[in-house]
C-alpha atoms as a PDB file:
ATOM      1  CA  UNK A   1     319.676  24.676  39.705  1.00  0.00           C
ATOM      2  CA  UNK A   2     317.932  27.798  40.244  1.00  0.00           C
ATOM      3  CA  UNK A   3     315.821  29.976  42.611  1.00  0.00           C
ATOM      4  CA  UNK A   4     313.101  32.279  42.244  1.00  0.00           C
ATOM      5  CA  UNK A   5     313.317  35.181  44.844  1.00  0.00           C
ATOM      6  CA  UNK A   6     311.137  37.356  46.532  1.00  0.00           C
ATOM      7  CA  UNK A   7     312.690  40.851  46.790  1.00  0.00           C
ATOM      8  CA  UNK A   8     310.456  43.701  48.439  1.00  0.00           C
ATOM      9  CA  UNK A   9     307.242  42.127  46.032  1.00  0.00           C
ATOM     10  CA  UNK A  10     309.093  41.828  43.105  1.00  0.00           C
ATOM     11  CA  UNK A  11     310.059  38.152  42.060  1.00  0.00           C
ATOM     12  CA  UNK A  12     313.756  37.517  40.569  1.00  0.00           C
ATOM     13  CA  UNK A  13     315.116  34.399  38.613  1.00  0.00           C
ATOM     14  CA  UNK A  14     318.798  33.754  40.791  1.00  0.00           C
ATOM     15  CA  UNK A  15     321.055  31.562  39.170  1.00  0.00           C
ATOM     16  CA  UNK A  16     324.533  30.578  40.932  1.00  0.00           C
ATOM     17  CA  UNK A  17     327.137  33.423  39.308  1.00  0.00           C
ATOM     18  CA  UNK A  18     324.008  35.628  37.870  1.00  0.00           C
ATOM     19  CA  UNK A  19     324.498  39.335  38.516  1.00  0.00           C
ATOM     20  CA  UNK A  20     320.961  41.131  39.047  1.00  0.00           C
ATOM     21  CA  UNK A  21     319.579  44.460  39.788  1.00  0.00           C
ATOM     22  CA  UNK A  22     317.019  45.045  42.474  1.00  0.00           C
ATOM     23  CA  UNK A  23     314.902  47.706  44.685  1.00  0.00           C
ATOM     24  CA  UNK A  24     317.434  49.817  46.832  1.00  0.00           C
ATOM     25  CA  UNK A  25     318.862  47.134  49.960  1.00  0.00           C
ATOM     26  CA  UNK A  26     320.266  49.717  52.041  1.00  0.00           C
ATOM     27  CA  UNK A  27     323.612  47.282  52.195  1.00  0.00           C
ATOM     28  CA  UNK A  28     327.367  48.250  52.164  1.00  0.00           C
ATOM     29  CA  UNK A  29     329.391  47.042  49.083  1.00  0.00           C
ATOM     30  CA  UNK A  30     330.818  43.826  49.432  1.00  0.00           C
ATOM     31  CA  UNK A  31     328.551  42.700  52.019  1.00  0.00           C
ATOM     32  CA  UNK A  32     326.846  39.329  51.848  1.00  0.00           C
ATOM     33  CA  UNK A  33     323.802  38.473  53.072  1.00  0.00           C
ATOM     34  CA  UNK A  34     320.765  35.451  52.285  1.00  0.00           C
ATOM     35  CA  UNK A  35     317.565  35.995  51.912  1.00  0.00           C
ATOM     36  CA  UNK A  36     315.503  32.869  52.646  1.00  0.00           C
ATOM     37  CA  UNK A  37     312.136  33.994  50.953  1.00  0.00           C
ATOM     38  CA  UNK A  38     312.928  31.483  48.667  1.00  0.00           C
ATOM     39  CA  UNK A  39     309.147  30.870  46.179  1.00  0.00           C
ATOM     40  CA  UNK A  40     310.201  28.252  43.966  1.00  0.00           C
ATOM     41  CA  UNK A  41     313.260  25.968  44.299  1.00  0.00           C
ATOM     42  CA  UNK A  42     314.643  24.379  40.813  1.00  0.00           C
ATOM     43  CA  UNK A  43     317.652  21.393  39.992  1.00  0.00           C
ATOM     44  CA  UNK A  44     317.307  19.948  36.460  1.00  0.00           C
ATOM     45  CA  UNK A  45     313.694  17.462  36.838  1.00  0.00           C
ATOM     46  CA  UNK A  46     313.125  18.663  40.227  1.00  0.00           C
ATOM     47  CA  UNK A  47     310.829  21.397  41.139  1.00  0.00           C
ATOM     48  CA  UNK A  48     310.032  22.901  44.533  1.00  0.00           C
ATOM     49  CA  UNK A  49     307.413  25.312  44.908  1.00  0.00           C
ATOM     50  CA  UNK A  50     307.036  26.930  48.124  1.00  0.00           C
ATOM     51  CA  UNK A  51     303.849  27.588  50.173  1.00  0.00           C
ATOM     52  CA  UNK A  52     304.467  31.101  50.644  1.00  0.00           C
ATOM     53  CA  UNK A  53     308.102  29.849  51.007  1.00  0.00           C
ATOM     54  CA  UNK A  54     310.345  26.996  50.330  1.00  0.00           C
ATOM     55  CA  UNK A  55     311.299  25.673  53.513  1.00  0.00           C
ATOM     56  CA  UNK A  56     315.080  25.594  54.670  1.00  0.00           C
ATOM     57  CA  UNK A  57     315.731  27.246  51.304  1.00  0.00           C
ATOM     58  CA  UNK A  58     318.268  30.477  51.484  1.00  0.00           C
ATOM     59  CA  UNK A  59     320.091  32.378  48.766  1.00  0.00           C
ATOM     60  CA  UNK A  60     323.308  33.954  49.261  1.00  0.00           C
ATOM     61  CA  UNK A  61     324.082  37.310  47.396  1.00  0.00           C
ATOM     62  CA  UNK A  62     326.790  39.055  47.788  1.00  0.00           C
ATOM     63  CA  UNK A  63     326.185  43.493  47.323  1.00  0.00           C
ATOM     64  CA  UNK A  64     328.241  44.707  44.209  1.00  0.00           C
ATOM     65  CA  UNK A  65     327.094  47.625  43.806  1.00  0.00           C
ATOM     66  CA  UNK A  66     324.499  51.183  45.070  1.00  0.00           C
ATOM     67  CA  UNK A  67     323.667  53.274  42.108  1.00  0.00           C
ATOM     68  CA  UNK A  68     320.365  55.085  40.509  1.00  0.00           C
ATOM     69  CA  UNK A  69     318.655  53.911  38.123  1.00  0.00           C
ATOM     70  CA  UNK A  70     317.196  54.810  34.907  1.00  0.00           C
ATOM     71  CA  UNK A  71     315.418  58.772  34.661  1.00  0.00           C
ATOM     72  CA  UNK A  72     311.994  58.576  34.486  1.00  0.00           C
ATOM     73  CA  UNK A  73     309.382  61.045  33.173  1.00  0.00           C
ATOM     74  CA  UNK A  74     305.911  62.030  33.916  1.00  0.00           C
ATOM     75  CA  UNK A  75     304.210  64.337  31.665  1.00  0.00           C
ATOM     76  CA  UNK A  76     300.620  65.464  32.124  1.00  0.00           C
ATOM     77  CA  UNK A  77     298.379  67.478  30.096  1.00  0.00           C
ATOM     78  CA  UNK A  78     294.437  68.709  29.346  1.00  0.00           C
ATOM     79  CA  UNK A  79     294.491  70.126  25.514  1.00  0.00           C
ATOM     80  CA  UNK A  80     293.231  73.576  25.509  1.00  0.00           C
ATOM     81  CA  UNK A  81     293.616  74.140  29.246  1.00  0.00           C
ATOM     82  CA  UNK A  82     297.150  75.039  29.300  1.00  0.00           C
ATOM     83  CA  UNK A  83     297.322  72.372  32.475  1.00  0.00           C
ATOM     84  CA  UNK A  84     301.161  70.864  31.755  1.00  0.00           C
ATOM     85  CA  UNK A  85     303.242  68.788  34.639  1.00  0.00           C
ATOM     86  CA  UNK A  86     306.492  67.502  34.393  1.00  0.00           C
ATOM     87  CA  UNK A  87     308.361  65.292  37.217  1.00  0.00           C
ATOM     88  CA  UNK A  88     310.917  62.839  37.122  1.00  0.00           C
ATOM     89  CA  UNK A  89     312.944  60.261  39.784  1.00  0.00           C
ATOM     90  CA  UNK A  90     314.969  57.880  39.355  1.00  0.00           C
ATOM     91  CA  UNK A  91     314.652  55.312  41.505  1.00  0.00           C
ATOM     92  CA  UNK A  92     317.650  53.682  43.631  1.00  0.00           C
ATOM     93  CA  UNK A  93     319.165  50.199  42.899  1.00  0.00           C
ATOM     94  CA  UNK A  94     321.067  47.743  44.298  1.00  0.00           C
ATOM     95  CA  UNK A  95     322.801  45.437  41.706  1.00  0.00           C
ATOM     96  CA  UNK A  96     323.927  42.390  43.206  1.00  0.00           C
ATOM     97  CA  UNK A  97     326.132  38.841  42.713  1.00  0.00           C
ATOM     98  CA  UNK A  98     324.087  35.026  43.155  1.00  0.00           C
ATOM     99  CA  UNK A  99     326.489  33.192  45.574  1.00  0.00           C
ATOM    100  CA  UNK A 100     325.641  30.347  46.392  1.00  0.00           C
ATOM    101  CA  UNK A 101     321.653  28.628  46.614  1.00  0.00           C
ATOM    102  CA  UNK A 102     321.070  26.443  49.751  1.00  0.00           C
ATOM    103  CA  UNK A 103     317.934  23.858  49.478  1.00  0.00           C
END
């Protein structure tokens, strides 16, 4: 069984017991929460697609960690003009464990 869940505009495949990484959720480590924005549910041969969400479905997550992701470098340059700009950033990431999927 698995579900496809919406997290801030990104679709994430959730399998019970799996560890997933999403954009920062601003929740405490160890906190358990539910996401009801389930876009698709699959259980063996049965597939339920929501319009836009599956009714009465939810996925329960446990927060494992909050940390910064890998550094992303942005470098701009125009040849022969002396124009060079270098910027970088590290996005906040939350590690989640899929506890349960409810139909």
